[in-house]
N, C-alpha and C. Protein backbone atom coordinates (compact mmCIF):
# COMPACT_ATOMS: atom_id res chain seq x y z
N UNK A 1 127.47 89.71 97.38
CA UNK A 1 126.06 89.78 97.44
C UNK A 1 125.45 89.08 98.50
N UNK A 2 124.60 89.53 99.23
CA UNK A 2 123.87 88.53 100.34
C UNK A 2 122.51 88.07 99.74
N UNK A 3 122.20 87.03 99.48
CA UNK A 3 120.79 86.37 99.25
C UNK A 3 119.73 86.74 100.54
N UNK A 4 118.31 87.16 100.39
CA UNK A 4 117.42 87.01 101.54
C UNK A 4 116.19 86.53 100.75
N UNK A 5 116.14 85.79 101.65
CA UNK A 5 114.88 84.69 101.12
C UNK A 5 113.51 84.74 102.13
N UNK A 6 112.67 85.43 101.88
CA UNK A 6 111.58 85.38 102.89
C UNK A 6 110.39 83.99 102.52
N UNK A 7 109.90 83.75 103.69
CA UNK A 7 109.01 82.61 103.77
C UNK A 7 107.78 82.56 105.29
N UNK A 8 106.41 81.95 104.72
CA UNK A 8 105.66 82.16 105.85
C UNK A 8 104.52 82.86 105.73
N UNK A 9 104.27 83.36 104.57
CA UNK A 9 102.87 84.44 104.91
C UNK A 9 102.14 83.43 103.98
N UNK A 10 100.87 83.75 103.88
CA UNK A 10 99.39 83.07 103.85
C UNK A 10 98.23 84.00 104.01
N UNK A 11 97.16 83.05 103.96
CA UNK A 11 95.58 83.84 104.57
C UNK A 11 95.39 83.17 105.64
N UNK A 12 94.67 84.29 106.51
CA UNK A 12 94.58 83.89 107.77
C UNK A 12 93.46 84.83 108.37
N UNK A 13 92.56 84.37 109.43
CA UNK A 13 91.27 85.47 109.53
C UNK A 13 92.11 85.97 110.65
N UNK A 14 91.33 87.13 110.95
CA UNK A 14 91.65 88.02 112.01
C UNK A 14 91.67 87.27 113.48
N UNK A 15 92.75 88.01 114.23
CA UNK A 15 93.20 87.58 115.25
C UNK A 15 93.77 85.90 115.38
N UNK A 16 94.09 85.31 114.39
CA UNK A 16 95.03 84.44 114.02
C UNK A 16 96.52 85.25 113.99
N UNK A 17 97.40 84.04 113.82
CA UNK A 17 98.71 84.29 114.02
C UNK A 17 99.70 84.02 112.67
N UNK A 18 100.83 84.67 112.12
CA UNK A 18 101.77 84.07 111.09
C UNK A 18 103.30 84.22 111.70
N UNK A 19 104.09 83.22 111.21
CA UNK A 19 105.54 83.39 111.64
C UNK A 19 106.30 83.53 110.49
N UNK A 20 106.65 84.79 110.16
CA UNK A 20 107.82 84.89 108.82
C UNK A 20 108.67 84.70 108.98
N UNK A 21 109.82 84.22 107.95
CA UNK A 21 111.09 83.80 108.40
C UNK A 21 112.26 84.57 107.39
N UNK A 22 113.05 84.74 107.55
CA UNK A 22 113.82 85.20 106.44
C UNK A 22 115.30 84.75 106.52
N UNK A 23 115.83 84.10 105.66
CA UNK A 23 117.10 83.35 105.76
C UNK A 23 117.67 84.14 104.57
N UNK A 24 119.14 84.20 105.10
CA UNK A 24 120.17 84.79 104.44
C UNK A 24 121.08 83.86 104.20
N UNK A 25 122.22 84.32 103.17
CA UNK A 25 123.49 83.77 102.74
C UNK A 25 124.81 84.08 103.26
N UNK A 26 124.62 84.96 104.24
CA UNK A 26 125.57 85.88 105.15
C UNK A 26 126.41 85.15 105.93
N UNK A 27 127.29 84.94 106.10
CA UNK A 27 128.14 83.87 106.85
C UNK A 27 128.37 85.05 108.29
N UNK A 28 128.62 86.12 107.94
CA UNK A 28 128.68 87.43 108.95
C UNK A 28 127.24 87.81 109.45
N UNK A 29 126.21 87.05 109.51
CA UNK A 29 124.81 87.29 110.04
C UNK A 29 124.74 88.26 111.03
N UNK A 30 125.57 87.82 112.12
CA UNK A 30 125.80 88.54 113.20
C UNK A 30 126.13 89.83 113.11
N UNK A 31 126.44 90.45 112.07
CA UNK A 31 126.90 91.80 112.20
C UNK A 31 125.50 92.70 111.27
N UNK A 32 124.91 91.98 111.05
CA UNK A 32 123.90 92.65 110.22
C UNK A 32 122.35 93.05 111.05
N UNK A 33 122.11 94.42 110.83
CA UNK A 33 120.64 94.47 111.40
C UNK A 33 119.53 94.07 110.60
N UNK A 34 118.78 93.25 110.83
CA UNK A 34 117.66 92.94 110.20
C UNK A 34 116.39 93.60 110.17
N UNK A 35 115.64 93.97 109.26
CA UNK A 35 114.29 94.72 109.42
C UNK A 35 113.25 94.00 108.50
N UNK A 36 111.97 94.31 109.13
CA UNK A 36 111.14 93.70 108.53
C UNK A 36 109.99 95.10 107.70
N UNK A 37 109.75 95.09 106.74
CA UNK A 37 109.09 96.42 106.05
C UNK A 37 107.88 95.66 105.59
N UNK A 38 106.75 96.01 105.07
CA UNK A 38 105.43 95.77 104.80
C UNK A 38 105.07 97.05 103.32
N UNK A 39 104.28 96.59 102.42
CA UNK A 39 103.64 97.36 101.38
C UNK A 39 102.46 97.01 101.14
N UNK A 40 101.38 97.81 101.62
CA UNK A 40 99.91 97.37 101.27
C UNK A 40 99.86 97.93 99.81
N UNK A 41 98.48 97.61 99.19
CA UNK A 41 98.45 98.16 97.66
C UNK A 41 98.06 99.75 97.87
N UNK A 42 98.74 100.35 97.17
CA UNK A 42 98.54 101.67 96.98
C UNK A 42 99.28 102.75 97.87
N UNK A 43 100.10 102.17 99.01
CA UNK A 43 100.68 102.53 100.19
C UNK A 43 101.98 102.52 99.96
N UNK A 44 102.60 103.25 100.66
CA UNK A 44 104.27 103.09 100.27
C UNK A 44 104.73 102.31 101.36
N UNK A 45 106.08 101.76 101.38
CA UNK A 45 106.63 100.69 102.12
C UNK A 45 106.94 101.18 103.16
N UNK A 46 106.83 100.62 104.42
CA UNK A 46 106.87 100.83 105.83
C UNK A 46 107.42 100.06 106.73
N UNK A 47 108.35 100.76 107.44
CA UNK A 47 108.97 99.83 108.59
C UNK A 47 108.58 99.16 109.73
N UNK A 48 108.19 97.93 110.04
CA UNK A 48 107.30 97.39 110.79
C UNK A 48 108.30 96.99 112.17
N UNK A 49 109.55 96.60 111.94
CA UNK A 49 110.48 95.96 112.85
C UNK A 49 111.65 95.88 112.61
N UNK A 50 112.49 95.93 113.61
CA UNK A 50 113.95 96.17 113.44
C UNK A 50 114.78 95.33 114.51
N UNK A 51 115.71 94.73 114.35
CA UNK A 51 116.66 93.85 115.44
C UNK A 51 118.11 94.08 114.93
N UNK A 52 118.80 94.74 116.18
CA UNK A 52 120.19 95.16 115.79
C UNK A 52 120.92 94.02 116.00
N UNK A 53 122.43 94.08 115.79
CA UNK A 53 123.39 92.77 116.04
C UNK A 53 123.21 92.56 117.14
N UNK A 54 123.15 93.46 118.20
CA UNK A 54 123.10 93.51 119.71
C UNK A 54 121.59 93.21 120.10
N UNK A 55 120.50 92.59 119.31
CA UNK A 55 119.24 92.41 119.49
C UNK A 55 118.69 93.36 120.22
N UNK A 56 118.68 94.60 119.88
CA UNK A 56 117.82 95.66 120.43
C UNK A 56 116.58 95.61 119.53
N UNK A 57 115.66 95.94 119.90
CA UNK A 57 114.56 95.60 118.96
C UNK A 57 113.63 97.11 118.86
N UNK A 58 113.14 97.43 117.64
CA UNK A 58 112.08 98.56 117.50
C UNK A 58 110.90 97.94 117.14
N UNK A 59 110.16 98.90 117.19
CA UNK A 59 108.63 98.44 116.71
C UNK A 59 107.71 99.75 115.97
N UNK A 60 107.03 99.57 114.77
CA UNK A 60 105.99 100.57 114.58
C UNK A 60 105.17 100.79 115.61
N UNK A 61 104.50 101.91 115.67
CA UNK A 61 103.30 101.78 117.11
C UNK A 61 102.19 100.77 116.47
N UNK A 62 102.02 100.65 115.37
CA UNK A 62 100.75 99.94 114.79
C UNK A 62 101.02 98.46 115.18
N UNK A 63 101.88 97.98 115.31
CA UNK A 63 102.60 96.61 115.61
C UNK A 63 102.79 96.40 117.22
N UNK A 64 103.10 97.23 117.78
CA UNK A 64 103.78 97.22 119.19
C UNK A 64 102.84 96.03 120.23
N UNK A 65 103.28 95.13 120.97
CA UNK A 65 102.89 94.10 121.88
C UNK A 65 102.01 93.14 120.70
N UNK A 66 101.82 93.19 119.31
CA UNK A 66 101.44 92.05 118.53
C UNK A 66 102.30 91.09 117.84
N UNK A 67 103.25 92.18 117.42
CA UNK A 67 104.54 91.41 116.54
C UNK A 67 105.66 91.56 117.64
N UNK A 68 106.67 90.37 117.27
CA UNK A 68 107.72 89.86 117.76
C UNK A 68 109.00 89.78 116.56
N UNK A 69 110.14 90.53 116.57
CA UNK A 69 111.05 90.25 115.75
C UNK A 69 112.09 89.48 116.78
N UNK A 70 112.47 88.62 115.93
CA UNK A 70 113.93 87.85 116.57
C UNK A 70 114.94 87.61 115.44
N UNK A 71 115.89 86.93 116.33
CA UNK A 71 116.97 86.40 115.15
C UNK A 71 117.45 84.94 115.49
N UNK A 72 118.00 84.20 114.82
CA UNK A 72 118.94 82.96 115.09
C UNK A 72 120.17 83.19 114.46
N UNK A 73 121.16 83.42 114.84
CA UNK A 73 122.31 83.60 114.29
C UNK A 73 123.10 82.19 113.70
N UNK A 74 122.57 81.06 114.61
CA UNK A 74 123.33 80.00 114.36
C UNK A 74 122.59 79.59 112.87
N UNK A 75 121.57 79.92 112.56
CA UNK A 75 120.59 79.74 111.01
C UNK A 75 120.90 80.72 110.02
N UNK A 76 121.64 81.86 110.90
CA UNK A 76 121.39 83.26 109.71
C UNK A 76 120.01 83.50 109.31
N UNK A 77 119.20 83.56 110.09
CA UNK A 77 117.80 83.61 110.33
C UNK A 77 117.10 84.73 110.98
N UNK A 78 116.31 85.30 110.33
CA UNK A 78 115.48 86.52 111.40
C UNK A 78 114.10 85.98 111.08
N UNK A 79 113.02 86.21 112.23
CA UNK A 79 112.11 86.03 112.77
C UNK A 79 110.96 87.10 112.84
N UNK A 80 109.82 86.87 112.19
CA UNK A 80 108.66 88.10 112.61
C UNK A 80 107.36 87.43 112.91
N UNK A 81 107.35 87.18 114.37
CA UNK A 81 105.75 86.56 115.09
C UNK A 81 104.94 87.53 114.47
N UNK A 82 103.68 87.18 114.27
CA UNK A 82 102.85 88.12 113.94
C UNK A 82 101.49 87.49 114.77
N UNK A 83 101.09 88.01 116.00
CA UNK A 83 99.82 87.70 116.58
C UNK A 83 98.65 88.66 116.45
N UNK A 84 97.68 88.10 116.64
CA UNK A 84 96.44 88.97 116.74
C UNK A 84 96.16 90.01 115.48
N UNK A 85 96.48 89.37 114.26
CA UNK A 85 96.26 89.89 113.44
C UNK A 85 94.94 90.56 112.77
N UNK A 86 95.24 91.72 112.18
CA UNK A 86 93.88 92.33 112.13
C UNK A 86 93.87 92.46 110.16
N UNK A 87 92.92 92.96 109.51
CA UNK A 87 93.02 93.17 108.56
C UNK A 87 93.67 94.21 107.65
N UNK A 88 94.03 95.23 108.75
CA UNK A 88 94.94 96.46 107.93
C UNK A 88 96.55 95.87 108.12
N UNK A 89 96.83 94.53 108.63
CA UNK A 89 97.97 93.92 108.46
C UNK A 89 98.22 93.38 107.13
N UNK A 90 97.31 93.35 106.36
CA UNK A 90 97.42 92.80 105.34
C UNK A 90 98.29 93.31 104.43
N UNK A 91 99.29 92.66 103.80
CA UNK A 91 100.44 93.40 103.19
C UNK A 91 101.44 92.43 102.72
N UNK A 92 102.40 93.12 101.43
CA UNK A 92 103.53 92.01 100.98
C UNK A 92 104.64 92.45 101.72
N UNK A 93 105.43 91.58 103.00
CA UNK A 93 106.24 92.05 103.94
C UNK A 93 107.58 91.58 103.01
N UNK A 94 108.56 92.61 103.48
CA UNK A 94 109.75 92.36 102.98
C UNK A 94 110.91 92.25 104.08
N UNK A 95 111.96 91.60 103.78
CA UNK A 95 112.86 91.50 104.82
C UNK A 95 114.25 92.11 104.47
N UNK A 96 115.04 92.92 105.24
CA UNK A 96 116.07 94.13 104.72
C UNK A 96 117.08 93.39 105.52
N UNK A 97 118.25 93.41 104.95
CA UNK A 97 119.63 92.86 105.70
C UNK A 97 120.56 94.48 105.43
N UNK A 98 121.20 94.74 106.09
CA UNK A 98 122.06 96.03 106.11
C UNK A 98 123.30 95.72 107.02
N UNK A 99 124.13 95.56 106.44
CA UNK A 99 125.24 95.04 107.24
C UNK A 99 126.99 95.70 106.32
N UNK A 100 127.64 95.08 106.42
CA UNK A 100 129.35 95.52 105.84
C UNK A 100 129.21 95.53 104.42
N UNK A 101 128.39 94.52 103.99
CA UNK A 101 128.30 94.52 102.06
C UNK A 101 127.41 95.27 101.56
N UNK A 102 126.50 95.81 102.41
CA UNK A 102 125.56 96.70 101.92
C UNK A 102 124.28 96.48 102.58
N UNK A 103 123.54 97.11 101.57
CA UNK A 103 121.96 96.75 101.95
C UNK A 103 121.00 95.85 101.13
N UNK A 104 120.45 94.93 101.25
CA UNK A 104 119.44 93.85 100.92
C UNK A 104 118.27 93.54 100.80
N UNK A 105 117.43 93.32 99.76
CA UNK A 105 116.23 93.03 100.31
C UNK A 105 115.65 91.63 99.39
N UNK A 106 114.48 90.87 100.29
CA UNK A 106 114.34 89.87 99.88
C UNK A 106 113.11 90.59 98.66
N UNK A 107 112.44 89.06 98.20
CA UNK A 107 111.76 89.29 96.96
C UNK A 107 109.83 89.40 97.85
N UNK A 108 109.87 89.59 99.17
CA UNK A 108 108.38 89.60 99.79
C UNK A 108 107.72 88.48 99.96
N UNK A 109 106.78 88.52 100.78
CA UNK A 109 105.89 87.41 101.04
C UNK A 109 104.48 88.03 101.39
N UNK A 110 103.44 87.39 100.86
CA UNK A 110 102.25 88.03 100.90
C UNK A 110 101.53 87.53 102.56
N UNK A 111 101.07 88.58 103.23
CA UNK A 111 100.31 88.00 104.06
C UNK A 111 99.19 88.67 104.04
N UNK A 112 98.08 88.10 104.24
CA UNK A 112 96.65 88.48 103.90
C UNK A 112 95.56 88.18 105.32
N UNK A 113 94.97 88.90 105.74
CA UNK A 113 94.22 88.81 107.13
C UNK A 113 92.76 89.21 106.50
N UNK A 114 91.92 88.14 106.16
CA UNK A 114 90.60 88.17 106.01
C UNK A 114 89.39 87.27 106.58
N UNK A 115 88.49 87.33 106.79
CA UNK A 115 87.55 86.83 107.17
C UNK A 115 86.63 86.18 106.20
C-alpha cells in the first residue's frame, strides 16, 4: 500500500497563486507516474497535469501556461504550482500515483479562488 497525502490548498483571490504538495510513502517513488486531478461541485473528476518517471509532463488545455507539475524524487513528493488562478479553478484537487504496486489516490485538498 502507498500512502498519498496532499497539502497546500486554501482560499485565494483571482490572479494569485497556490502550490500543492503530494507526499508519498513509496520508496520507489521514482518509478511512479504522478498526476493531479480536480473535481468541482457537480462535475466529474478531470485530469489537470501529469508527470512521468522520466519527467515528461502533460497538461489539460485549461491550465496550460498557468500550472506547473514537478517532482522531487529525493523527497518522494510531487508538486503543482498554480499561478494566475481563476474562479473556475475552484475544486478539490487530488493526487494520483500509478506504479508497480498499483494505483493510489490521496484524500484531496480544497482550492478556492474567489474575490
